[in-house]
Amino acid sequence: MDINLPTDCGNAPRIGIVSEFAVSWAQGNAAMVRAGLVEGAALSVAGSKHAGASSVEEFLQLPFSPESMELYSVITHGRLASCDGVLRAGDKRLDFNLVFRFASTSKTAKIAQLRLYCIESSPPERKAR
């Protein structure tokens, strides 16, 4: 998968953590996603509630296999973080936003709550002339 991450000033260590987690999510890497979560982490996808590591596979289900990922921005503050971007495969695209709540403000804290918002789109069909 072609991956394009934003550049940053390097003053916020969580920017790298959030970026790496987003890449693991987009690649469907369940082991890496699980490793970033606390036991019993609360996961939700567009309002559907899921809980714990057993729901990681459901959280990783994407409508297509991405060929590329562009992460537009990563914002971190204290226990909170967010990132947004787009996944693409051919004409398909999935715009997404991941919202994180870490278990503490420690640099090594794992994710306690994770929400995913996404919109799938493809180009409109063209009418024959």
C-alpha atoms as a PDB file:
ATOM      1  CA  MET A   1       0.000   0.000   0.000  1.00  0.00           C
ATOM      2  CA  ASP A   2       1.247   3.478  -0.867  1.00  0.00           C
ATOM      3  CA  ILE A   3       1.259   5.571   2.355  1.00  0.00           C
ATOM      4  CA  ASN A   4       1.509   9.353   2.594  1.00  0.00           C
ATOM      5  CA  LEU A   5       1.821  10.787   6.129  1.00  0.00           C
ATOM      6  CA  PRO A   6       1.881  14.445   7.158  1.00  0.00           C
ATOM      7  CA  THR A   7       5.152  15.983   8.283  1.00  0.00           C
ATOM      8  CA  ASP A   8       5.281  17.556  11.723  1.00  0.00           C
ATOM      9  CA  CYS A   9       7.621  19.479  13.975  1.00  0.00           C
ATOM     10  CA  GLY A  10       8.489  16.410  16.062  1.00  0.00           C
ATOM     11  CA  ASN A  11       7.485  18.005  19.380  1.00  0.00           C
ATOM     12  CA  ALA A  12       4.481  15.733  19.960  1.00  0.00           C
ATOM     13  CA  PRO A  13       5.485  12.057  20.306  1.00  0.00           C
ATOM     14  CA  ARG A  14       1.877  10.906  20.009  1.00  0.00           C
ATOM     15  CA  ILE A  15       1.717  12.111  16.407  1.00  0.00           C
ATOM     16  CA  GLY A  16       3.953   9.183  15.418  1.00  0.00           C
ATOM     17  CA  ILE A  17       1.977   6.752  17.574  1.00  0.00           C
ATOM     18  CA  VAL A  18      -1.358   7.864  16.072  1.00  0.00           C
ATOM     19  CA  SER A  19       0.050   7.778  12.521  1.00  0.00           C
ATOM     20  CA  GLU A  20       1.447   4.250  12.975  1.00  0.00           C
ATOM     21  CA  PHE A  21      -1.843   3.074  14.495  1.00  0.00           C
ATOM     22  CA  ALA A  22      -3.832   4.525  11.562  1.00  0.00           C
ATOM     23  CA  VAL A  23      -1.555   2.732   9.094  1.00  0.00           C
ATOM     24  CA  SER A  24      -1.999  -0.566  10.999  1.00  0.00           C
ATOM     25  CA  TRP A  25      -5.785  -0.055  10.906  1.00  0.00           C
ATOM     26  CA  ALA A  26      -5.769   0.657   7.151  1.00  0.00           C
ATOM     27  CA  GLN A  27      -3.596  -2.404   6.484  1.00  0.00           C
ATOM     28  CA  GLY A  28      -5.920  -4.613   8.555  1.00  0.00           C
ATOM     29  CA  ASN A  29      -3.101  -5.552  10.941  1.00  0.00           C
ATOM     30  CA  ALA A  30      -5.130  -6.953  13.859  1.00  0.00           C
ATOM     31  CA  ALA A  31      -2.067  -7.810  15.966  1.00  0.00           C
ATOM     32  CA  MET A  32      -0.729  -4.236  15.837  1.00  0.00           C
ATOM     33  CA  VAL A  33      -4.168  -2.730  16.487  1.00  0.00           C
ATOM     34  CA  ARG A  34      -4.676  -5.012  19.510  1.00  0.00           C
ATOM     35  CA  ALA A  35      -1.208  -4.101  20.816  1.00  0.00           C
ATOM     36  CA  GLY A  36      -2.230  -0.429  20.922  1.00  0.00           C
ATOM     37  CA  LEU A  37      -5.418  -1.006  22.933  1.00  0.00           C
ATOM     38  CA  VAL A  38      -5.997  -1.453  26.658  1.00  0.00           C
ATOM     39  CA  GLU A  39      -7.874  -4.585  27.723  1.00  0.00           C
ATOM     40  CA  GLY A  40     -11.576  -3.945  27.148  1.00  0.00           C
ATOM     41  CA  ALA A  41     -11.046  -0.821  25.025  1.00  0.00           C
ATOM     42  CA  ALA A  42     -14.261   0.749  23.766  1.00  0.00           C
ATOM     43  CA  LEU A  43     -14.434   0.719  19.965  1.00  0.00           C
ATOM     44  CA  SER A  44     -17.184   2.250  17.867  1.00  0.00           C
ATOM     45  CA  VAL A  45     -17.728   2.600  14.146  1.00  0.00           C
ATOM     46  CA  ALA A  46     -20.048   5.418  13.028  1.00  0.00           C
ATOM     47  CA  GLY A  47     -22.189   5.099  16.152  1.00  0.00           C
ATOM     48  CA  SER A  48     -22.276   1.286  16.401  1.00  0.00           C
ATOM     49  CA  LYS A  49     -20.899   0.262  19.801  1.00  0.00           C
ATOM     50  CA  HIS A  50     -18.347  -2.513  20.118  1.00  0.00           C
ATOM     51  CA  ALA A  51     -16.182  -3.403  23.084  1.00  0.00           C
ATOM     52  CA  GLY A  52     -12.877  -5.111  23.716  1.00  0.00           C
ATOM     53  CA  ALA A  53     -10.271  -6.898  21.672  1.00  0.00           C
ATOM     54  CA  SER A  54     -12.812  -9.428  20.353  1.00  0.00           C
ATOM     55  CA  SER A  55     -14.344  -6.692  18.200  1.00  0.00           C
ATOM     56  CA  VAL A  56     -11.051  -5.712  16.546  1.00  0.00           C
ATOM     57  CA  GLU A  57     -11.778  -7.846  13.464  1.00  0.00           C
ATOM     58  CA  GLU A  58     -15.122  -6.104  13.013  1.00  0.00           C
ATOM     59  CA  PHE A  59     -13.434  -2.716  13.510  1.00  0.00           C
ATOM     60  CA  LEU A  60     -10.911  -3.595  10.776  1.00  0.00           C
ATOM     61  CA  GLN A  61     -13.512  -4.514   8.159  1.00  0.00           C
ATOM     62  CA  LEU A  62     -13.237  -2.046   5.318  1.00  0.00           C
ATOM     63  CA  PRO A  63     -15.489  -1.949   2.236  1.00  0.00           C
ATOM     64  CA  PHE A  64     -12.461  -2.573  -0.035  1.00  0.00           C
ATOM     65  CA  SER A  65      -8.744  -3.351   0.153  1.00  0.00           C
ATOM     66  CA  PRO A  66      -6.935   0.002   0.056  1.00  0.00           C
ATOM     67  CA  GLU A  67      -4.172   0.570  -2.478  1.00  0.00           C
ATOM     68  CA  SER A  68      -3.188   3.902  -0.948  1.00  0.00           C
ATOM     69  CA  MET A  69      -3.609   5.911   2.233  1.00  0.00           C
ATOM     70  CA  GLU A  70      -3.178   9.624   2.721  1.00  0.00           C
ATOM     71  CA  LEU A  71      -3.245  10.937   6.261  1.00  0.00           C
ATOM     72  CA  TYR A  72      -4.135  14.639   6.093  1.00  0.00           C
ATOM     73  CA  SER A  73      -3.629  15.641   9.713  1.00  0.00           C
ATOM     74  CA  VAL A  74      -2.913  14.357  13.204  1.00  0.00           C
ATOM     75  CA  ILE A  75      -3.907  16.404  16.241  1.00  0.00           C
ATOM     76  CA  THR A  76      -2.940  15.490  19.811  1.00  0.00           C
ATOM     77  CA  HIS A  77      -3.598  17.100  23.178  1.00  0.00           C
ATOM     78  CA  GLY A  78      -3.233  15.375  26.546  1.00  0.00           C
ATOM     79  CA  ARG A  79      -5.198  12.123  26.498  1.00  0.00           C
ATOM     80  CA  LEU A  80      -6.946  12.960  23.222  1.00  0.00           C
ATOM     81  CA  ALA A  81      -5.911  12.613  19.596  1.00  0.00           C
ATOM     82  CA  SER A  82      -7.511  12.565  16.179  1.00  0.00           C
ATOM     83  CA  CYS A  83      -6.461  11.938  12.610  1.00  0.00           C
ATOM     84  CA  ASP A  84      -8.214  12.174   9.281  1.00  0.00           C
ATOM     85  CA  GLY A  85      -7.442  11.034   5.794  1.00  0.00           C
ATOM     86  CA  VAL A  86      -8.515   8.985   2.817  1.00  0.00           C
ATOM     87  CA  LEU A  87      -8.080   5.402   1.607  1.00  0.00           C
ATOM     88  CA  ARG A  88      -8.242   4.727  -2.141  1.00  0.00           C
ATOM     89  CA  ALA A  89      -8.488   1.735  -4.442  1.00  0.00           C
ATOM     90  CA  GLY A  90      -9.142   2.441  -8.109  1.00  0.00           C
ATOM     91  CA  ASP A  91     -12.205   4.699  -8.269  1.00  0.00           C
ATOM     92  CA  LYS A  92     -13.213   3.910  -4.679  1.00  0.00           C
ATOM     93  CA  ARG A  93     -12.416   6.165  -1.752  1.00  0.00           C
ATOM     94  CA  LEU A  94     -13.081   6.072   1.968  1.00  0.00           C
ATOM     95  CA  ASP A  95     -12.700   9.363   3.834  1.00  0.00           C
ATOM     96  CA  PHE A  96     -12.133   8.657   7.529  1.00  0.00           C
ATOM     97  CA  ASN A  97     -11.582  10.195  10.928  1.00  0.00           C
ATOM     98  CA  LEU A  98     -10.224   8.269  13.920  1.00  0.00           C
ATOM     99  CA  VAL A  99     -10.753   9.791  17.383  1.00  0.00           C
ATOM    100  CA  PHE A 100      -8.582   8.457  20.235  1.00  0.00           C
ATOM    101  CA  ARG A 101      -8.786   8.668  24.025  1.00  0.00           C
ATOM    102  CA  PHE A 102      -5.659   7.275  25.651  1.00  0.00           C
ATOM    103  CA  ALA A 103      -5.708   5.655  29.097  1.00  0.00           C
ATOM    104  CA  SER A 104      -3.421   8.408  30.465  1.00  0.00           C
ATOM    105  CA  THR A 105      -1.191  11.259  29.349  1.00  0.00           C
ATOM    106  CA  SER A 106       1.912   9.028  29.504  1.00  0.00           C
ATOM    107  CA  LYS A 107       3.798   8.691  26.195  1.00  0.00           C
ATOM    108  CA  THR A 108       3.441   4.913  26.463  1.00  0.00           C
ATOM    109  CA  ALA A 109      -0.278   4.883  27.338  1.00  0.00           C
ATOM    110  CA  LYS A 110      -2.501   2.612  25.288  1.00  0.00           C
ATOM    111  CA  ILE A 111      -5.817   3.533  23.684  1.00  0.00           C
ATOM    112  CA  ALA A 112      -8.860   3.243  25.965  1.00  0.00           C
ATOM    113  CA  GLN A 113     -11.492   4.510  23.517  1.00  0.00           C
ATOM    114  CA  LEU A 114     -11.484   4.679  19.729  1.00  0.00           C
ATOM    115  CA  ARG A 115     -14.186   6.022  17.410  1.00  0.00           C
ATOM    116  CA  LEU A 116     -14.177   5.692  13.625  1.00  0.00           C
ATOM    117  CA  TYR A 117     -16.198   7.861  11.267  1.00  0.00           C
ATOM    118  CA  CYS A 118     -16.064   7.169   7.551  1.00  0.00           C
ATOM    119  CA  ILE A 119     -17.767   8.019   4.277  1.00  0.00           C
ATOM    120  CA  GLU A 120     -17.383   5.752   1.272  1.00  0.00           C
ATOM    121  CA  SER A 121     -17.698   7.271  -2.165  1.00  0.00           C
ATOM    122  CA  SER A 122     -16.908   6.613  -5.772  1.00  0.00           C
ATOM    123  CA  PRO A 123     -17.145   8.872  -8.816  1.00  0.00           C
ATOM    124  CA  PRO A 124     -20.658   9.336 -10.170  1.00  0.00           C
ATOM    125  CA  GLU A 125     -21.573   7.255 -13.180  1.00  0.00           C
ATOM    126  CA  ARG A 126     -21.397   9.196 -16.403  1.00  0.00           C
ATOM    127  CA  LYS A 127     -24.407   9.220 -18.664  1.00  0.00           C
ATOM    128  CA  ALA A 128     -23.948   8.055 -22.214  1.00  0.00           C
ATOM    129  CA  ARG A 129     -24.383  10.804 -24.780  1.00  0.00           C
END
